[in-house]
């Protein structure tokens, strides 16, 4: 047979714990007394903390404003504000500005009160608590907090409204100045156009348009008339000869020459009569020449007719008329262009 093996249990029983406590009871008692004494001393030396609580109900009713599509400066007054947002108001209540104002309002030393803000479930109610070692300070602080909070919200809203009012005053001033300028320009336009009413202006406008159409038609007729006149003159010009024959009657130049020769012969005869008698051969010769010259002078015609080729004088006058017709066409076309431009406006 195999020998029986005995194993010692490694587990500690309750009896073992009790034995340890009996052996160490003095140490345990002393430790408990020390801890109790320290706790008692700390408790007696720590000042008591007082809490004052209240509740705030936030109005989160829907705004009664319709959607505003006007000036961005005023849009904040016509859209739903986030002032009723619970988280936002909790932050506002615990903000440095509100706390500082509450301390001053309550006459409490800053930092002597601890503010605790929480939401009551999912409602619009805020649980507000003020803790302080001074019960009067906690009470006064919590009494002043709602007043400061309401004043802060009201002041912010009032400041926004005042800013908006001031902005609108400036806008009204600017628009009034613009209106004054427009009225001045309108008055100046009325003075120039002589139009002082819409009905009269419409009537004048219709009359001006009708007159413009009449002017256009007149100018077109004038252009057509001038063009027809030019074409008629050009056709007449083509049918006229460039050169014509011209007869001219002038005094016969031979008569003047013979008269001069006769005068010379008579002068010579008078000179010879001083030296010779009329029957002298020298004088007789001069007399014969004088008689022959007189006979020839009697036979000559008093005038002679010459023929020459000259430029047709009627053609010169006609070309002047053609040039005038071309100028009339140019003036009529300019008048037509001006009338068409006025009618197009």
C-alpha atoms as a PDB file:
ATOM      1  CA  UNK A   1       0.000   0.000   0.000  1.00  0.00           C
ATOM      2  CA  UNK A   2       1.105   3.513  -0.731  1.00  0.00           C
ATOM      3  CA  UNK A   3       1.667   5.742   2.264  1.00  0.00           C
ATOM      4  CA  UNK A   4      -1.011   8.435   2.811  1.00  0.00           C
ATOM      5  CA  UNK A   5       0.130  11.951   1.931  1.00  0.00           C
ATOM      6  CA  UNK A   6      -1.203  14.891   4.003  1.00  0.00           C
ATOM      7  CA  UNK A   7      -1.482  18.303   2.249  1.00  0.00           C
ATOM      8  CA  UNK A   8      -1.674  21.553   4.269  1.00  0.00           C
ATOM      9  CA  UNK A   9      -4.472  23.828   3.138  1.00  0.00           C
ATOM     10  CA  UNK A  10      -3.260  27.171   1.778  1.00  0.00           C
ATOM     11  CA  UNK A  11      -6.599  28.867   2.471  1.00  0.00           C
ATOM     12  CA  UNK A  12      -6.993  31.213   5.493  1.00  0.00           C
ATOM     13  CA  UNK A  13     -10.103  30.583   7.498  1.00  0.00           C
ATOM     14  CA  UNK A  14     -12.187  32.987   9.541  1.00  0.00           C
ATOM     15  CA  UNK A  15     -10.610  31.626  12.655  1.00  0.00           C
ATOM     16  CA  UNK A  16      -7.236  32.723  11.370  1.00  0.00           C
ATOM     17  CA  UNK A  17      -8.576  36.277  10.912  1.00  0.00           C
ATOM     18  CA  UNK A  18      -9.958  36.286  14.405  1.00  0.00           C
ATOM     19  CA  UNK A  19      -6.633  35.099  15.774  1.00  0.00           C
ATOM     20  CA  UNK A  20      -4.872  37.928  13.941  1.00  0.00           C
ATOM     21  CA  UNK A  21      -7.355  40.491  15.307  1.00  0.00           C
ATOM     22  CA  UNK A  22      -6.870  39.187  18.863  1.00  0.00           C
ATOM     23  CA  UNK A  23      -3.146  39.404  18.519  1.00  0.00           C
ATOM     24  CA  UNK A  24      -3.246  42.925  16.901  1.00  0.00           C
ATOM     25  CA  UNK A  25      -6.226  44.389  18.730  1.00  0.00           C
ATOM     26  CA  UNK A  26      -4.168  47.060  20.423  1.00  0.00           C
ATOM     27  CA  UNK A  27      -2.845  48.385  17.089  1.00  0.00           C
ATOM     28  CA  UNK A  28      -6.310  48.360  15.556  1.00  0.00           C
ATOM     29  CA  UNK A  29      -7.866  50.213  18.471  1.00  0.00           C
ATOM     30  CA  UNK A  30      -5.146  52.861  18.480  1.00  0.00           C
ATOM     31  CA  UNK A  31      -5.468  53.374  14.683  1.00  0.00           C
ATOM     32  CA  UNK A  32      -9.250  53.739  14.923  1.00  0.00           C
ATOM     33  CA  UNK A  33      -8.933  56.242  17.744  1.00  0.00           C
ATOM     34  CA  UNK A  34      -6.396  58.292  15.773  1.00  0.00           C
ATOM     35  CA  UNK A  35      -8.586  58.351  12.632  1.00  0.00           C
ATOM     36  CA  UNK A  36     -11.637  59.283  14.670  1.00  0.00           C
ATOM     37  CA  UNK A  37      -9.740  62.041  16.430  1.00  0.00           C
ATOM     38  CA  UNK A  38      -8.377  63.467  13.181  1.00  0.00           C
ATOM     39  CA  UNK A  39     -11.843  63.373  11.580  1.00  0.00           C
ATOM     40  CA  UNK A  40     -13.393  65.060  14.579  1.00  0.00           C
ATOM     41  CA  UNK A  41     -10.756  67.796  14.595  1.00  0.00           C
ATOM     42  CA  UNK A  42     -11.137  68.414  10.846  1.00  0.00           C
ATOM     43  CA  UNK A  43     -14.915  68.435  11.134  1.00  0.00           C
ATOM     44  CA  UNK A  44     -14.949  70.896  13.982  1.00  0.00           C
ATOM     45  CA  UNK A  45     -12.377  73.151  12.330  1.00  0.00           C
ATOM     46  CA  UNK A  46     -14.093  73.209   8.868  1.00  0.00           C
ATOM     47  CA  UNK A  47     -16.713  76.004   8.640  1.00  0.00           C
ATOM     48  CA  UNK A  48     -20.198  74.868   7.614  1.00  0.00           C
ATOM     49  CA  UNK A  49     -21.398  75.431   4.007  1.00  0.00           C
ATOM     50  CA  UNK A  50     -24.856  76.892   3.500  1.00  0.00           C
ATOM     51  CA  UNK A  51     -26.891  76.490   0.345  1.00  0.00           C
ATOM     52  CA  UNK A  52     -29.619  78.746  -0.984  1.00  0.00           C
ATOM     53  CA  UNK A  53     -31.657  77.465  -3.931  1.00  0.00           C
ATOM     54  CA  UNK A  54     -34.178  78.871  -6.367  1.00  0.00           C
ATOM     55  CA  UNK A  55     -35.667  78.060  -9.748  1.00  0.00           C
ATOM     56  CA  UNK A  56     -35.834  80.106 -12.942  1.00  0.00           C
ATOM     57  CA  UNK A  57     -38.401  79.491 -15.661  1.00  0.00           C
ATOM     58  CA  UNK A  58     -37.279  80.477 -19.166  1.00  0.00           C
ATOM     59  CA  UNK A  59     -39.908  81.620 -21.641  1.00  0.00           C
ATOM     60  CA  UNK A  60     -39.299  79.629 -24.820  1.00  0.00           C
ATOM     61  CA  UNK A  61     -42.564  80.428 -26.548  1.00  0.00           C
ATOM     62  CA  UNK A  62     -42.408  80.720 -30.369  1.00  0.00           C
ATOM     63  CA  UNK A  63     -41.764  84.251 -31.649  1.00  0.00           C
ATOM     64  CA  UNK A  64     -44.577  86.112 -33.323  1.00  0.00           C
ATOM     65  CA  UNK A  65     -42.485  87.546 -36.147  1.00  0.00           C
ATOM     66  CA  UNK A  66     -42.653  86.593 -39.774  1.00  0.00           C
ATOM     67  CA  UNK A  67     -39.582  86.006 -41.847  1.00  0.00           C
ATOM     68  CA  UNK A  68     -37.797  89.285 -42.573  1.00  0.00           C
ATOM     69  CA  UNK A  69     -35.941  89.713 -45.855  1.00  0.00           C
ATOM     70  CA  UNK A  70     -34.914  93.345 -45.417  1.00  0.00           C
ATOM     71  CA  UNK A  71     -31.873  95.030 -43.956  1.00  0.00           C
ATOM     72  CA  UNK A  72     -29.471  92.592 -42.205  1.00  0.00           C
ATOM     73  CA  UNK A  73     -29.074  95.077 -39.358  1.00  0.00           C
ATOM     74  CA  UNK A  74     -32.766  94.668 -38.457  1.00  0.00           C
ATOM     75  CA  UNK A  75     -33.148  90.993 -39.296  1.00  0.00           C
ATOM     76  CA  UNK A  76     -32.199  89.993 -35.751  1.00  0.00           C
ATOM     77  CA  UNK A  77     -35.451  91.537 -34.498  1.00  0.00           C
ATOM     78  CA  UNK A  78     -37.608  89.535 -36.904  1.00  0.00           C
ATOM     79  CA  UNK A  79     -36.137  86.054 -36.521  1.00  0.00           C
ATOM     80  CA  UNK A  80     -36.256  83.657 -33.630  1.00  0.00           C
ATOM     81  CA  UNK A  81     -33.679  84.556 -31.027  1.00  0.00           C
ATOM     82  CA  UNK A  82     -31.506  82.016 -29.250  1.00  0.00           C
ATOM     83  CA  UNK A  83     -32.116  83.810 -25.939  1.00  0.00           C
ATOM     84  CA  UNK A  84     -34.392  80.950 -24.784  1.00  0.00           C
ATOM     85  CA  UNK A  85     -31.774  78.260 -25.414  1.00  0.00           C
ATOM     86  CA  UNK A  86     -31.236  76.467 -22.098  1.00  0.00           C
ATOM     87  CA  UNK A  87     -27.518  75.816 -22.512  1.00  0.00           C
ATOM     88  CA  UNK A  88     -26.936  79.401 -23.587  1.00  0.00           C
ATOM     89  CA  UNK A  89     -28.734  80.823 -20.566  1.00  0.00           C
ATOM     90  CA  UNK A  90     -26.854  78.515 -18.212  1.00  0.00           C
ATOM     91  CA  UNK A  91     -23.605  79.905 -19.599  1.00  0.00           C
ATOM     92  CA  UNK A  92     -24.929  83.471 -19.316  1.00  0.00           C
ATOM     93  CA  UNK A  93     -25.851  82.939 -15.653  1.00  0.00           C
ATOM     94  CA  UNK A  94     -22.360  81.655 -14.886  1.00  0.00           C
ATOM     95  CA  UNK A  95     -20.539  84.249 -16.989  1.00  0.00           C
ATOM     96  CA  UNK A  96     -17.972  86.526 -15.409  1.00  0.00           C
ATOM     97  CA  UNK A  97     -19.981  89.650 -16.172  1.00  0.00           C
ATOM     98  CA  UNK A  98     -23.177  88.413 -14.519  1.00  0.00           C
ATOM     99  CA  UNK A  99     -21.312  87.047 -11.471  1.00  0.00           C
ATOM    100  CA  UNK A 100     -19.376  90.287 -10.957  1.00  0.00           C
ATOM    101  CA  UNK A 101     -22.546  92.365 -11.242  1.00  0.00           C
ATOM    102  CA  UNK A 102     -24.359  90.021  -8.825  1.00  0.00           C
ATOM    103  CA  UNK A 103     -21.583  90.327  -6.252  1.00  0.00           C
ATOM    104  CA  UNK A 104     -21.821  94.112  -6.464  1.00  0.00           C
ATOM    105  CA  UNK A 105     -25.622  94.085  -6.366  1.00  0.00           C
ATOM    106  CA  UNK A 106     -25.722  91.787  -3.310  1.00  0.00           C
ATOM    107  CA  UNK A 107     -22.825  93.476  -1.522  1.00  0.00           C
ATOM    108  CA  UNK A 108     -21.011  90.164  -1.209  1.00  0.00           C
ATOM    109  CA  UNK A 109     -17.270  89.604  -1.378  1.00  0.00           C
ATOM    110  CA  UNK A 110     -16.366  88.276  -4.853  1.00  0.00           C
ATOM    111  CA  UNK A 111     -15.544  84.573  -4.807  1.00  0.00           C
ATOM    112  CA  UNK A 112     -17.262  83.908  -1.484  1.00  0.00           C
ATOM    113  CA  UNK A 113     -20.250  82.239  -3.143  1.00  0.00           C
ATOM    114  CA  UNK A 114     -20.194  79.212  -5.409  1.00  0.00           C
ATOM    115  CA  UNK A 115     -22.934  79.196  -8.058  1.00  0.00           C
ATOM    116  CA  UNK A 116     -24.363  75.904  -9.332  1.00  0.00           C
ATOM    117  CA  UNK A 117     -26.779  75.913 -12.299  1.00  0.00           C
ATOM    118  CA  UNK A 118     -28.469  72.816 -13.710  1.00  0.00           C
ATOM    119  CA  UNK A 119     -31.461  71.981 -15.851  1.00  0.00           C
ATOM    120  CA  UNK A 120     -34.448  70.331 -14.253  1.00  0.00           C
ATOM    121  CA  UNK A 121     -34.782  67.306 -16.483  1.00  0.00           C
ATOM    122  CA  UNK A 122     -35.796  68.278 -20.012  1.00  0.00           C
ATOM    123  CA  UNK A 123     -37.930  71.228 -18.930  1.00  0.00           C
ATOM    124  CA  UNK A 124     -37.320  74.943 -19.325  1.00  0.00           C
ATOM    125  CA  UNK A 125     -36.678  75.245 -15.597  1.00  0.00           C
ATOM    126  CA  UNK A 126     -33.210  75.959 -14.236  1.00  0.00           C
ATOM    127  CA  UNK A 127     -32.232  74.895 -10.724  1.00  0.00           C
ATOM    128  CA  UNK A 128     -29.940  77.561  -9.317  1.00  0.00           C
ATOM    129  CA  UNK A 129     -28.040  77.063  -6.066  1.00  0.00           C
ATOM    130  CA  UNK A 130     -25.661  79.363  -4.210  1.00  0.00           C
ATOM    131  CA  UNK A 131     -23.258  77.834  -1.682  1.00  0.00           C
ATOM    132  CA  UNK A 132     -21.281  79.825   0.858  1.00  0.00           C
ATOM    133  CA  UNK A 133     -19.932  79.576   4.354  1.00  0.00           C
ATOM    134  CA  UNK A 134     -21.972  82.682   5.096  1.00  0.00           C
ATOM    135  CA  UNK A 135     -25.714  81.947   4.916  1.00  0.00           C
ATOM    136  CA  UNK A 136     -26.577  85.628   4.539  1.00  0.00           C
ATOM    137  CA  UNK A 137     -24.139  85.959   1.644  1.00  0.00           C
ATOM    138  CA  UNK A 138     -25.663  82.942  -0.111  1.00  0.00           C
ATOM    139  CA  UNK A 139     -29.170  84.334   0.363  1.00  0.00           C
ATOM    140  CA  UNK A 140     -28.344  87.852  -0.809  1.00  0.00           C
ATOM    141  CA  UNK A 141     -26.384  86.529  -3.768  1.00  0.00           C
ATOM    142  CA  UNK A 142     -29.253  84.325  -4.908  1.00  0.00           C
ATOM    143  CA  UNK A 143     -31.762  87.151  -4.403  1.00  0.00           C
ATOM    144  CA  UNK A 144     -29.698  89.502  -6.567  1.00  0.00           C
ATOM    145  CA  UNK A 145     -28.906  86.981  -9.309  1.00  0.00           C
ATOM    146  CA  UNK A 146     -32.341  87.016 -11.079  1.00  0.00           C
ATOM    147  CA  UNK A 147     -32.424  90.824 -11.058  1.00  0.00           C
ATOM    148  CA  UNK A 148     -28.930  91.061 -12.531  1.00  0.00           C
ATOM    149  CA  UNK A 149     -29.707  88.373 -15.094  1.00  0.00           C
ATOM    150  CA  UNK A 150     -32.904  90.091 -16.255  1.00  0.00           C
ATOM    151  CA  UNK A 151     -31.132  93.455 -16.315  1.00  0.00           C
ATOM    152  CA  UNK A 152     -28.299  91.976 -18.381  1.00  0.00           C
ATOM    153  CA  UNK A 153     -30.649  90.428 -20.942  1.00  0.00           C
ATOM    154  CA  UNK A 154     -32.779  93.585 -21.065  1.00  0.00           C
ATOM    155  CA  UNK A 155     -29.739  95.835 -21.401  1.00  0.00           C
ATOM    156  CA  UNK A 156     -28.315  93.749 -24.244  1.00  0.00           C
ATOM    157  CA  UNK A 157     -31.648  93.818 -26.012  1.00  0.00           C
ATOM    158  CA  UNK A 158     -32.029  97.536 -25.400  1.00  0.00           C
ATOM    159  CA  UNK A 159     -28.531  98.205 -26.715  1.00  0.00           C
ATOM    160  CA  UNK A 160     -29.296  96.220 -29.858  1.00  0.00           C
ATOM    161  CA  UNK A 161     -32.532  98.152 -30.356  1.00  0.00           C
ATOM    162  CA  UNK A 162     -30.775 101.487 -29.788  1.00  0.00           C
ATOM    163  CA  UNK A 163     -28.081 100.538 -32.282  1.00  0.00           C
ATOM    164  CA  UNK A 164     -30.741  99.521 -34.776  1.00  0.00           C
ATOM    165  CA  UNK A 165     -32.664 102.764 -34.217  1.00  0.00           C
ATOM    166  CA  UNK A 166     -29.500 104.808 -34.695  1.00  0.00           C
ATOM    167  CA  UNK A 167     -28.698 102.817 -37.807  1.00  0.00           C
ATOM    168  CA  UNK A 168     -32.185 103.403 -39.190  1.00  0.00           C
ATOM    169  CA  UNK A 169     -31.900 107.109 -38.457  1.00  0.00           C
ATOM    170  CA  UNK A 170     -28.733 107.238 -40.515  1.00  0.00           C
ATOM    171  CA  UNK A 171     -30.407 105.237 -43.266  1.00  0.00           C
ATOM    172  CA  UNK A 172     -33.440 107.528 -43.236  1.00  0.00           C
ATOM    173  CA  UNK A 173     -31.114 110.521 -43.400  1.00  0.00           C
ATOM    174  CA  UNK A 174     -29.250 109.025 -46.369  1.00  0.00           C
ATOM    175  CA  UNK A 175     -32.466 108.069 -48.158  1.00  0.00           C
ATOM    176  CA  UNK A 176     -33.910 111.532 -47.501  1.00  0.00           C
ATOM    177  CA  UNK A 177     -30.816 113.121 -49.024  1.00  0.00           C
ATOM    178  CA  UNK A 178     -31.044 110.795 -52.028  1.00  0.00           C
ATOM    179  CA  UNK A 179     -34.738 111.636 -52.392  1.00  0.00           C
ATOM    180  CA  UNK A 180     -33.923 115.339 -52.268  1.00  0.00           C
ATOM    181  CA  UNK A 181     -31.308 114.917 -54.989  1.00  0.00           C
ATOM    182  CA  UNK A 182     -33.716 112.901 -57.146  1.00  0.00           C
ATOM    183  CA  UNK A 183     -36.413 115.537 -56.685  1.00  0.00           C
ATOM    184  CA  UNK A 184     -33.948 118.263 -57.671  1.00  0.00           C
ATOM    185  CA  UNK A 185     -32.931 116.300 -60.772  1.00  0.00           C
ATOM    186  CA  UNK A 186     -36.589 115.677 -61.606  1.00  0.00           C
ATOM    187  CA  UNK A 187     -37.368 119.367 -61.231  1.00  0.00           C
ATOM    188  CA  UNK A 188     -34.427 120.263 -63.468  1.00  0.00           C
ATOM    189  CA  UNK A 189     -35.619 117.713 -66.023  1.00  0.00           C
ATOM    190  CA  UNK A 190     -39.094 119.192 -65.882  1.00  0.00           C
ATOM    191  CA  UNK A 191     -37.705 122.660 -66.474  1.00  0.00           C
ATOM    192  CA  UNK A 192     -35.752 121.436 -69.493  1.00  0.00           C
ATOM    193  CA  UNK A 193     -38.464 119.224 -70.956  1.00  0.00           C
ATOM    194  CA  UNK A 194     -41.327 121.526 -69.896  1.00  0.00           C
ATOM    195  CA  UNK A 195     -43.151 118.447 -68.612  1.00  0.00           C
ATOM    196  CA  UNK A 196     -44.788 118.758 -65.183  1.00  0.00           C
ATOM    197  CA  UNK A 197     -47.126 115.767 -65.132  1.00  0.00           C
ATOM    198  CA  UNK A 198     -47.092 112.160 -66.270  1.00  0.00           C
ATOM    199  CA  UNK A 199     -50.149 112.625 -68.493  1.00  0.00           C
ATOM    200  CA  UNK A 200     -48.723 115.709 -70.117  1.00  0.00           C
ATOM    201  CA  UNK A 201     -45.359 114.014 -70.456  1.00  0.00           C
ATOM    202  CA  UNK A 202     -46.928 111.000 -72.158  1.00  0.00           C
ATOM    203  CA  UNK A 203     -48.903 113.260 -74.464  1.00  0.00           C
ATOM    204  CA  UNK A 204     -45.810 115.270 -75.333  1.00  0.00           C
ATOM    205  CA  UNK A 205     -43.854 112.079 -75.898  1.00  0.00           C
ATOM    206  CA  UNK A 206     -46.492 110.756 -78.301  1.00  0.00           C
ATOM    207  CA  UNK A 207     -46.576 114.093 -80.098  1.00  0.00           C
ATOM    208  CA  UNK A 208     -42.789 114.141 -80.346  1.00  0.00           C
ATOM    209  CA  UNK A 209     -42.757 110.616 -81.750  1.00  0.00           C
ATOM    210  CA  UNK A 210     -45.455 111.505 -84.278  1.00  0.00           C
ATOM    211  CA  UNK A 211     -43.600 114.680 -85.246  1.00  0.00           C
ATOM    212  CA  UNK A 212     -40.394 112.670 -85.589  1.00  0.00           C
ATOM    213  CA  UNK A 213     -42.109 110.295 -88.014  1.00  0.00           C
ATOM    214  CA  UNK A 214     -43.473 113.263 -89.972  1.00  0.00           C
ATOM    215  CA  UNK A 215     -39.995 114.796 -90.102  1.00  0.00           C
ATOM    216  CA  UNK A 216     -38.571 111.505 -91.351  1.00  0.00           C
ATOM    217  CA  UNK A 217     -41.203 111.310 -94.074  1.00  0.00           C
ATOM    218  CA  UNK A 218     -40.582 114.923 -95.115  1.00  0.00           C
ATOM    219  CA  UNK A 219     -36.851 114.302 -95.263  1.00  0.00           C
ATOM    220  CA  UNK A 220     -37.390 111.174 -97.371  1.00  0.00           C
ATOM    221  CA  UNK A 221     -39.601 113.123 -99.795  1.00  0.00           C
ATOM    222  CA  UNK A 222     -37.004 115.868-100.010  1.00  0.00           C
ATOM    223  CA  UNK A 223     -34.269 113.333-100.787  1.00  0.00           C
ATOM    224  CA  UNK A 224     -36.410 111.697-103.457  1.00  0.00           C
ATOM    225  CA  UNK A 225     -37.313 115.073-104.984  1.00  0.00           C
ATOM    226  CA  UNK A 226     -33.698 116.221-105.067  1.00  0.00           C
ATOM    227  CA  UNK A 227     -32.640 112.898-106.574  1.00  0.00           C
ATOM    228  CA  UNK A 228     -35.303 113.141-109.282  1.00  0.00           C
ATOM    229  CA  UNK A 229     -34.269 116.718-110.059  1.00  0.00           C
ATOM    230  CA  UNK A 230     -30.635 115.658-110.371  1.00  0.00           C
ATOM    231  CA  UNK A 231     -31.525 112.783-112.686  1.00  0.00           C
ATOM    232  CA  UNK A 232     -33.585 115.123-114.904  1.00  0.00           C
ATOM    233  CA  UNK A 233     -30.734 117.634-115.097  1.00  0.00           C
ATOM    234  CA  UNK A 234     -28.243 114.876-115.914  1.00  0.00           C
ATOM    235  CA  UNK A 235     -30.501 113.606-118.712  1.00  0.00           C
ATOM    236  CA  UNK A 236     -30.810 117.142-120.081  1.00  0.00           C
ATOM    237  CA  UNK A 237     -27.046 117.517-119.837  1.00  0.00           C
ATOM    238  CA  UNK A 238     -26.471 114.444-121.985  1.00  0.00           C
ATOM    239  CA  UNK A 239     -28.706 115.840-124.756  1.00  0.00           C
ATOM    240  CA  UNK A 240     -26.891 119.172-125.075  1.00  0.00           C
ATOM    241  CA  UNK A 241     -23.843 119.753-127.385  1.00  0.00           C
ATOM    242  CA  UNK A 242     -20.548 120.535-125.762  1.00  0.00           C
ATOM    243  CA  UNK A 243     -19.600 123.244-128.356  1.00  0.00           C
ATOM    244  CA  UNK A 244     -21.673 125.672-130.477  1.00  0.00           C
ATOM    245  CA  UNK A 245     -20.908 128.005-133.445  1.00  0.00           C
ATOM    246  CA  UNK A 246     -21.190 131.713-132.721  1.00  0.00           C
ATOM    247  CA  UNK A 247     -21.403 134.493-135.409  1.00  0.00           C
ATOM    248  CA  UNK A 248     -20.008 137.914-134.551  1.00  0.00           C
ATOM    249  CA  UNK A 249     -20.354 141.136-136.632  1.00  0.00           C
ATOM    250  CA  UNK A 250     -17.540 143.668-136.255  1.00  0.00           C
ATOM    251  CA  UNK A 251     -16.528 146.904-137.984  1.00  0.00           C
ATOM    252  CA  UNK A 252     -14.487 146.252-141.109  1.00  0.00           C
ATOM    253  CA  UNK A 253     -10.864 146.887-140.105  1.00  0.00           C
ATOM    254  CA  UNK A 254      -9.968 147.681-143.754  1.00  0.00           C
ATOM    255  CA  UNK A 255     -12.063 150.857-143.542  1.00  0.00           C
ATOM    256  CA  UNK A 256      -9.966 152.193-140.703  1.00  0.00           C
ATOM    257  CA  UNK A 257      -6.772 151.406-142.609  1.00  0.00           C
ATOM    258  CA  UNK A 258      -8.001 153.141-145.785  1.00  0.00           C
ATOM    259  CA  UNK A 259      -9.205 156.158-143.839  1.00  0.00           C
ATOM    260  CA  UNK A 260      -5.797 156.464-142.270  1.00  0.00           C
ATOM    261  CA  UNK A 261      -4.135 156.184-145.701  1.00  0.00           C
ATOM    262  CA  UNK A 262      -6.534 158.807-147.097  1.00  0.00           C
ATOM    263  CA  UNK A 263      -5.676 161.189-144.284  1.00  0.00           C
ATOM    264  CA  UNK A 264      -1.977 160.780-145.017  1.00  0.00           C
ATOM    265  CA  UNK A 265      -2.494 161.495-148.732  1.00  0.00           C
ATOM    266  CA  UNK A 266      -4.453 164.631-147.986  1.00  0.00           C
ATOM    267  CA  UNK A 267      -1.697 165.788-145.688  1.00  0.00           C
ATOM    268  CA  UNK A 268       0.871 165.229-148.436  1.00  0.00           C
ATOM    269  CA  UNK A 269      -1.288 167.175-150.959  1.00  0.00           C
ATOM    270  CA  UNK A 270      -1.495 170.165-148.644  1.00  0.00           C
ATOM    271  CA  UNK A 271       2.253 170.113-148.340  1.00  0.00           C
ATOM    272  CA  UNK A 272       2.706 169.979-152.115  1.00  0.00           C
ATOM    273  CA  UNK A 273       0.316 172.893-152.697  1.00  0.00           C
ATOM    274  CA  UNK A 274       2.727 175.061-150.816  1.00  0.00           C
ATOM    275  CA  UNK A 275       5.400 174.357-153.413  1.00  0.00           C
ATOM    276  CA  UNK A 276       3.377 173.527-156.513  1.00  0.00           C
ATOM    277  CA  UNK A 277       0.230 174.592-158.255  1.00  0.00           C
ATOM    278  CA  UNK A 278      -2.788 172.267-158.338  1.00  0.00           C
ATOM    279  CA  UNK A 279      -2.096 171.454-161.984  1.00  0.00           C
ATOM    280  CA  UNK A 280       1.410 170.315-161.241  1.00  0.00           C
ATOM    281  CA  UNK A 281       2.057 166.633-161.977  1.00  0.00           C
ATOM    282  CA  UNK A 282       3.068 165.961-158.381  1.00  0.00           C
ATOM    283  CA  UNK A 283      -0.222 167.316-157.095  1.00  0.00           C
ATOM    284  CA  UNK A 284      -2.189 165.541-159.834  1.00  0.00           C
ATOM    285  CA  UNK A 285      -0.635 162.215-158.821  1.00  0.00           C
ATOM    286  CA  UNK A 286      -1.631 162.712-155.189  1.00  0.00           C
ATOM    287  CA  UNK A 287      -5.151 163.654-156.255  1.00  0.00           C
ATOM    288  CA  UNK A 288      -5.423 160.478-158.317  1.00  0.00           C
ATOM    289  CA  UNK A 289      -4.352 158.377-155.368  1.00  0.00           C
ATOM    290  CA  UNK A 290      -6.811 160.190-153.113  1.00  0.00           C
ATOM    291  CA  UNK A 291      -9.639 159.576-155.563  1.00  0.00           C
ATOM    292  CA  UNK A 292      -8.754 155.895-155.875  1.00  0.00           C
ATOM    293  CA  UNK A 293      -8.686 155.491-152.112  1.00  0.00           C
ATOM    294  CA  UNK A 294     -12.056 157.194-151.746  1.00  0.00           C
ATOM    295  CA  UNK A 295     -13.567 154.944-154.389  1.00  0.00           C
ATOM    296  CA  UNK A 296     -12.214 151.867-152.712  1.00  0.00           C
ATOM    297  CA  UNK A 297     -13.459 153.105-149.349  1.00  0.00           C
ATOM    298  CA  UNK A 298     -16.957 153.484-150.758  1.00  0.00           C
ATOM    299  CA  UNK A 299     -16.928 149.925-152.042  1.00  0.00           C
ATOM    300  CA  UNK A 300     -15.910 148.295-148.733  1.00  0.00           C
ATOM    301  CA  UNK A 301     -18.716 146.927-146.458  1.00  0.00           C
ATOM    302  CA  UNK A 302     -19.078 148.673-143.142  1.00  0.00           C
ATOM    303  CA  UNK A 303     -19.076 145.387-141.058  1.00  0.00           C
ATOM    304  CA  UNK A 304     -17.849 141.856-141.468  1.00  0.00           C
ATOM    305  CA  UNK A 305     -19.212 138.654-139.821  1.00  0.00           C
ATOM    306  CA  UNK A 306     -16.872 136.130-138.126  1.00  0.00           C
ATOM    307  CA  UNK A 307     -17.752 132.585-137.024  1.00  0.00           C
ATOM    308  CA  UNK A 308     -16.117 130.896-133.979  1.00  0.00           C
ATOM    309  CA  UNK A 309     -16.649 127.693-131.972  1.00  0.00           C
ATOM    310  CA  UNK A 310     -17.338 128.318-128.279  1.00  0.00           C
ATOM    311  CA  UNK A 311     -18.419 126.149-125.312  1.00  0.00           C
ATOM    312  CA  UNK A 312     -22.180 125.921-125.026  1.00  0.00           C
ATOM    313  CA  UNK A 313     -23.219 128.687-122.550  1.00  0.00           C
ATOM    314  CA  UNK A 314     -26.432 126.821-121.705  1.00  0.00           C
ATOM    315  CA  UNK A 315     -24.304 123.847-120.683  1.00  0.00           C
ATOM    316  CA  UNK A 316     -22.388 126.003-118.196  1.00  0.00           C
ATOM    317  CA  UNK A 317     -25.622 127.153-116.547  1.00  0.00           C
ATOM    318  CA  UNK A 318     -26.924 123.589-116.510  1.00  0.00           C
ATOM    319  CA  UNK A 319     -23.788 122.323-114.764  1.00  0.00           C
ATOM    320  CA  UNK A 320     -24.262 124.969-112.100  1.00  0.00           C
ATOM    321  CA  UNK A 321     -27.808 123.691-111.581  1.00  0.00           C
ATOM    322  CA  UNK A 322     -26.480 120.105-111.341  1.00  0.00           C
ATOM    323  CA  UNK A 323     -23.952 121.131-108.666  1.00  0.00           C
ATOM    324  CA  UNK A 324     -26.724 122.867-106.710  1.00  0.00           C
ATOM    325  CA  UNK A 325     -28.904 119.733-107.013  1.00  0.00           C
ATOM    326  CA  UNK A 326     -26.084 117.574-105.616  1.00  0.00           C
ATOM    327  CA  UNK A 327     -25.729 119.932-102.650  1.00  0.00           C
ATOM    328  CA  UNK A 328     -29.481 119.715-102.075  1.00  0.00           C
ATOM    329  CA  UNK A 329     -29.288 115.903-102.066  1.00  0.00           C
ATOM    330  CA  UNK A 330     -26.468 115.937 -99.506  1.00  0.00           C
ATOM    331  CA  UNK A 331     -28.356 118.355 -97.249  1.00  0.00           C
ATOM    332  CA  UNK A 332     -31.551 116.297 -97.585  1.00  0.00           C
ATOM    333  CA  UNK A 333     -29.715 113.084 -96.658  1.00  0.00           C
ATOM    334  CA  UNK A 334     -28.190 114.736 -93.595  1.00  0.00           C
ATOM    335  CA  UNK A 335     -31.629 115.972 -92.587  1.00  0.00           C
ATOM    336  CA  UNK A 336     -33.034 112.455 -93.081  1.00  0.00           C
ATOM    337  CA  UNK A 337     -30.294 110.917 -90.911  1.00  0.00           C
ATOM    338  CA  UNK A 338     -31.000 113.427 -88.139  1.00  0.00           C
ATOM    339  CA  UNK A 339     -34.751 112.797 -88.316  1.00  0.00           C
ATOM    340  CA  UNK A 340     -34.238 109.019 -88.198  1.00  0.00           C
ATOM    341  CA  UNK A 341     -31.927 109.380 -85.185  1.00  0.00           C
ATOM    342  CA  UNK A 342     -34.514 111.501 -83.351  1.00  0.00           C
ATOM    343  CA  UNK A 343     -37.255 109.007 -84.179  1.00  0.00           C
ATOM    344  CA  UNK A 344     -35.151 106.115 -82.849  1.00  0.00           C
ATOM    345  CA  UNK A 345     -34.686 107.727 -79.420  1.00  0.00           C
END
